[in-house]
N, C-alpha and C. Protein backbone atom coordinates (compact mmCIF):
# COMPACT_ATOMS: atom_id res chain seq x y z
N MET A 1 28.52 35.96 1.49
CA MET A 1 29.19 36.58 2.62
C MET A 1 29.74 35.49 3.53
N THR A 2 30.96 35.66 3.96
CA THR A 2 31.60 34.71 4.86
C THR A 2 31.30 35.09 6.30
N THR A 3 30.95 34.08 7.10
CA THR A 3 30.64 34.33 8.51
C THR A 3 31.73 33.74 9.41
N LEU A 4 31.79 34.23 10.63
CA LEU A 4 32.73 33.66 11.60
C LEU A 4 32.41 32.20 11.88
N SER A 5 31.14 31.86 11.86
CA SER A 5 30.73 30.48 12.07
C SER A 5 31.30 29.57 10.97
N GLN A 6 31.25 30.03 9.72
CA GLN A 6 31.81 29.24 8.62
C GLN A 6 33.32 29.08 8.80
N LEU A 7 34.01 30.14 9.19
CA LEU A 7 35.45 30.07 9.39
C LEU A 7 35.81 29.14 10.55
N ARG A 8 35.06 29.21 11.61
CA ARG A 8 35.29 28.33 12.76
C ARG A 8 35.05 26.88 12.35
N THR A 9 34.00 26.64 11.59
CA THR A 9 33.71 25.29 11.11
C THR A 9 34.82 24.79 10.20
N PHE A 10 35.27 25.65 9.29
CA PHE A 10 36.37 25.30 8.39
C PHE A 10 37.62 24.92 9.18
N GLN A 11 37.99 25.72 10.16
CA GLN A 11 39.16 25.42 10.98
C GLN A 11 39.01 24.08 11.69
N THR A 12 37.84 23.82 12.20
CA THR A 12 37.61 22.58 12.94
C THR A 12 37.69 21.37 12.03
N VAL A 13 37.06 21.46 10.86
CA VAL A 13 37.14 20.35 9.89
C VAL A 13 38.59 20.11 9.49
N ALA A 14 39.32 21.18 9.21
CA ALA A 14 40.72 21.04 8.81
C ALA A 14 41.56 20.42 9.92
N ARG A 15 41.33 20.84 11.14
CA ARG A 15 42.12 20.32 12.28
C ARG A 15 41.82 18.85 12.54
N LEU A 16 40.55 18.47 12.44
CA LEU A 16 40.15 17.10 12.75
C LEU A 16 40.15 16.19 11.52
N ASN A 17 40.29 16.78 10.35
CA ASN A 17 40.26 16.01 9.10
C ASN A 17 38.99 15.19 8.96
N SER A 18 37.89 15.74 9.44
CA SER A 18 36.64 14.99 9.42
C SER A 18 35.45 15.93 9.59
N PHE A 19 34.49 15.79 8.69
CA PHE A 19 33.26 16.56 8.81
C PHE A 19 32.45 16.04 10.00
N SER A 20 32.42 14.73 10.19
CA SER A 20 31.63 14.14 11.27
C SER A 20 32.17 14.50 12.65
N ARG A 21 33.48 14.38 12.83
CA ARG A 21 34.07 14.73 14.13
C ARG A 21 33.94 16.23 14.40
N ALA A 22 34.07 17.05 13.35
CA ALA A 22 33.87 18.49 13.52
C ALA A 22 32.44 18.77 13.96
N ALA A 23 31.49 18.08 13.35
CA ALA A 23 30.08 18.27 13.73
C ALA A 23 29.88 17.94 15.21
N GLN A 24 30.47 16.84 15.67
CA GLN A 24 30.35 16.48 17.08
C GLN A 24 30.95 17.55 17.98
N GLU A 25 32.14 18.00 17.65
CA GLU A 25 32.82 19.00 18.48
C GLU A 25 32.06 20.32 18.51
N LEU A 26 31.47 20.69 17.37
CA LEU A 26 30.77 21.97 17.27
C LEU A 26 29.29 21.89 17.66
N HIS A 27 28.85 20.68 18.01
CA HIS A 27 27.45 20.45 18.39
C HIS A 27 26.51 20.82 17.24
N LEU A 28 26.90 20.37 16.03
CA LEU A 28 26.10 20.57 14.84
C LEU A 28 25.86 19.21 14.20
N THR A 29 24.96 19.17 13.23
CA THR A 29 24.80 17.95 12.46
C THR A 29 25.86 17.94 11.36
N GLN A 30 26.16 16.74 10.86
CA GLN A 30 27.12 16.64 9.77
C GLN A 30 26.62 17.37 8.52
N PRO A 31 25.32 17.27 8.18
CA PRO A 31 24.85 18.05 7.03
C PRO A 31 24.99 19.57 7.22
N ALA A 32 24.86 20.06 8.45
CA ALA A 32 25.04 21.49 8.71
C ALA A 32 26.49 21.90 8.49
N VAL A 33 27.43 21.05 8.90
CA VAL A 33 28.85 21.32 8.68
C VAL A 33 29.14 21.33 7.18
N SER A 34 28.62 20.34 6.47
CA SER A 34 28.81 20.28 5.02
C SER A 34 28.25 21.52 4.33
N ALA A 35 27.09 21.96 4.79
CA ALA A 35 26.46 23.15 4.20
C ALA A 35 27.30 24.39 4.45
N GLN A 36 27.85 24.52 5.66
CA GLN A 36 28.69 25.69 5.97
C GLN A 36 29.96 25.69 5.13
N ILE A 37 30.56 24.52 4.96
CA ILE A 37 31.77 24.43 4.13
C ILE A 37 31.42 24.72 2.67
N GLY A 38 30.31 24.19 2.20
CA GLY A 38 29.87 24.47 0.84
C GLY A 38 29.61 25.95 0.61
N ALA A 39 28.98 26.60 1.57
CA ALA A 39 28.71 28.03 1.46
C ALA A 39 30.01 28.83 1.46
N LEU A 40 30.96 28.42 2.29
CA LEU A 40 32.25 29.11 2.34
C LEU A 40 33.00 28.92 1.02
N GLU A 41 32.99 27.70 0.49
CA GLU A 41 33.64 27.45 -0.79
C GLU A 41 33.01 28.30 -1.90
N SER A 42 31.70 28.42 -1.87
CA SER A 42 31.01 29.25 -2.87
C SER A 42 31.38 30.72 -2.72
N ALA A 43 31.41 31.20 -1.48
CA ALA A 43 31.74 32.61 -1.24
C ALA A 43 33.16 32.93 -1.66
N LEU A 44 34.08 32.00 -1.39
CA LEU A 44 35.49 32.23 -1.72
C LEU A 44 35.82 31.82 -3.16
N ARG A 45 34.90 31.10 -3.77
CA ARG A 45 35.09 30.58 -5.14
C ARG A 45 36.32 29.70 -5.26
N ILE A 46 36.55 28.89 -4.22
CA ILE A 46 37.63 27.91 -4.25
C ILE A 46 37.14 26.61 -3.62
N ARG A 47 37.80 25.53 -3.94
CA ARG A 47 37.53 24.25 -3.30
C ARG A 47 38.51 24.12 -2.14
N LEU A 48 38.00 24.00 -0.93
CA LEU A 48 38.85 23.94 0.26
C LEU A 48 39.39 22.55 0.54
N PHE A 49 38.58 21.53 0.23
CA PHE A 49 38.95 20.15 0.53
C PHE A 49 38.80 19.28 -0.70
N GLU A 50 39.70 18.31 -0.83
CA GLU A 50 39.51 17.22 -1.78
C GLU A 50 38.76 16.14 -1.02
N ARG A 51 37.71 15.65 -1.61
CA ARG A 51 36.91 14.61 -0.97
C ARG A 51 37.06 13.33 -1.78
N ASN A 52 37.51 12.29 -1.12
CA ASN A 52 37.67 10.99 -1.76
C ASN A 52 37.06 9.95 -0.83
N GLY A 53 35.77 9.68 -1.05
CA GLY A 53 35.07 8.78 -0.13
C GLY A 53 34.96 9.44 1.23
N LYS A 54 35.45 8.76 2.25
CA LYS A 54 35.41 9.31 3.60
C LYS A 54 36.66 10.08 3.96
N THR A 55 37.62 10.15 3.04
CA THR A 55 38.89 10.84 3.28
C THR A 55 38.81 12.26 2.72
N ILE A 56 39.25 13.22 3.52
CA ILE A 56 39.33 14.60 3.04
C ILE A 56 40.74 15.12 3.29
N THR A 57 41.20 15.96 2.39
CA THR A 57 42.48 16.64 2.56
C THR A 57 42.32 18.08 2.08
N LEU A 58 43.06 18.95 2.69
CA LEU A 58 43.04 20.35 2.27
C LEU A 58 43.66 20.48 0.88
N THR A 59 43.06 21.30 0.05
CA THR A 59 43.67 21.65 -1.22
C THR A 59 44.72 22.73 -0.95
N GLU A 60 45.53 23.05 -1.94
CA GLU A 60 46.49 24.14 -1.75
C GLU A 60 45.78 25.45 -1.45
N PRO A 61 44.71 25.81 -2.20
CA PRO A 61 43.96 27.02 -1.82
C PRO A 61 43.36 26.90 -0.41
N GLY A 62 42.99 25.68 -0.02
CA GLY A 62 42.46 25.47 1.33
C GLY A 62 43.50 25.73 2.40
N ARG A 63 44.74 25.32 2.14
CA ARG A 63 45.83 25.58 3.10
C ARG A 63 46.07 27.09 3.24
N ILE A 64 46.02 27.79 2.12
CA ILE A 64 46.22 29.24 2.16
C ILE A 64 45.06 29.90 2.91
N ALA A 65 43.83 29.46 2.64
CA ALA A 65 42.66 30.01 3.33
C ALA A 65 42.72 29.71 4.83
N LEU A 66 43.20 28.53 5.19
CA LEU A 66 43.31 28.18 6.61
C LEU A 66 44.30 29.10 7.31
N ALA A 67 45.42 29.37 6.68
CA ALA A 67 46.41 30.28 7.27
C ALA A 67 45.79 31.66 7.48
N GLY A 68 45.01 32.13 6.52
CA GLY A 68 44.35 33.42 6.66
C GLY A 68 43.26 33.41 7.70
N ALA A 69 42.56 32.28 7.83
CA ALA A 69 41.46 32.19 8.80
C ALA A 69 41.96 32.14 10.23
N GLN A 70 43.19 31.67 10.42
CA GLN A 70 43.70 31.52 11.78
C GLN A 70 43.99 32.85 12.44
N ILE A 71 44.27 33.85 11.67
CA ILE A 71 44.51 35.19 12.22
C ILE A 71 43.47 36.12 11.63
N GLY A 72 42.61 36.64 12.47
CA GLY A 72 41.57 37.54 12.01
C GLY A 72 42.13 38.93 11.71
N SER A 73 41.32 39.76 11.11
CA SER A 73 41.78 41.09 10.74
C SER A 73 42.11 41.97 11.94
N PHE A 74 41.71 41.54 13.13
CA PHE A 74 42.01 42.32 14.34
C PHE A 74 43.18 41.73 15.10
N GLY A 75 43.85 40.72 14.51
CA GLY A 75 45.04 40.17 15.12
C GLY A 75 44.80 39.13 16.20
N TYR A 76 43.61 38.56 16.25
CA TYR A 76 43.37 37.50 17.23
C TYR A 76 42.98 36.24 16.51
N ARG A 77 43.19 35.12 17.19
CA ARG A 77 42.83 33.84 16.58
C ARG A 77 41.34 33.67 16.64
N ILE A 78 40.75 33.26 15.54
CA ILE A 78 39.31 33.07 15.47
C ILE A 78 38.87 31.97 16.44
N THR A 79 39.72 30.98 16.68
CA THR A 79 39.37 29.89 17.59
C THR A 79 39.19 30.41 19.02
N ASN A 80 39.67 31.60 19.32
CA ASN A 80 39.52 32.15 20.68
C ASN A 80 38.22 32.91 20.87
N LEU A 81 37.39 32.99 19.83
CA LEU A 81 36.13 33.74 19.95
C LEU A 81 35.11 32.95 20.75
């Protein structure tokens, strides 16, 4: 099951291009951010990010998921929650 917390974490990682900086902004540990992204990837059955050492980039399915995550089913931005 996908949670709003996972979607918010995903948006933050994508915006900052960093699991560590997202963790700082969200007041979480880096392993907690990684776990939320891993759980979201498992729930969606897609890989959201390509990981190459310390560099991450959105995959094409990740870009599509990000576009969907930015507008919730009620027509508001999830980042405004």
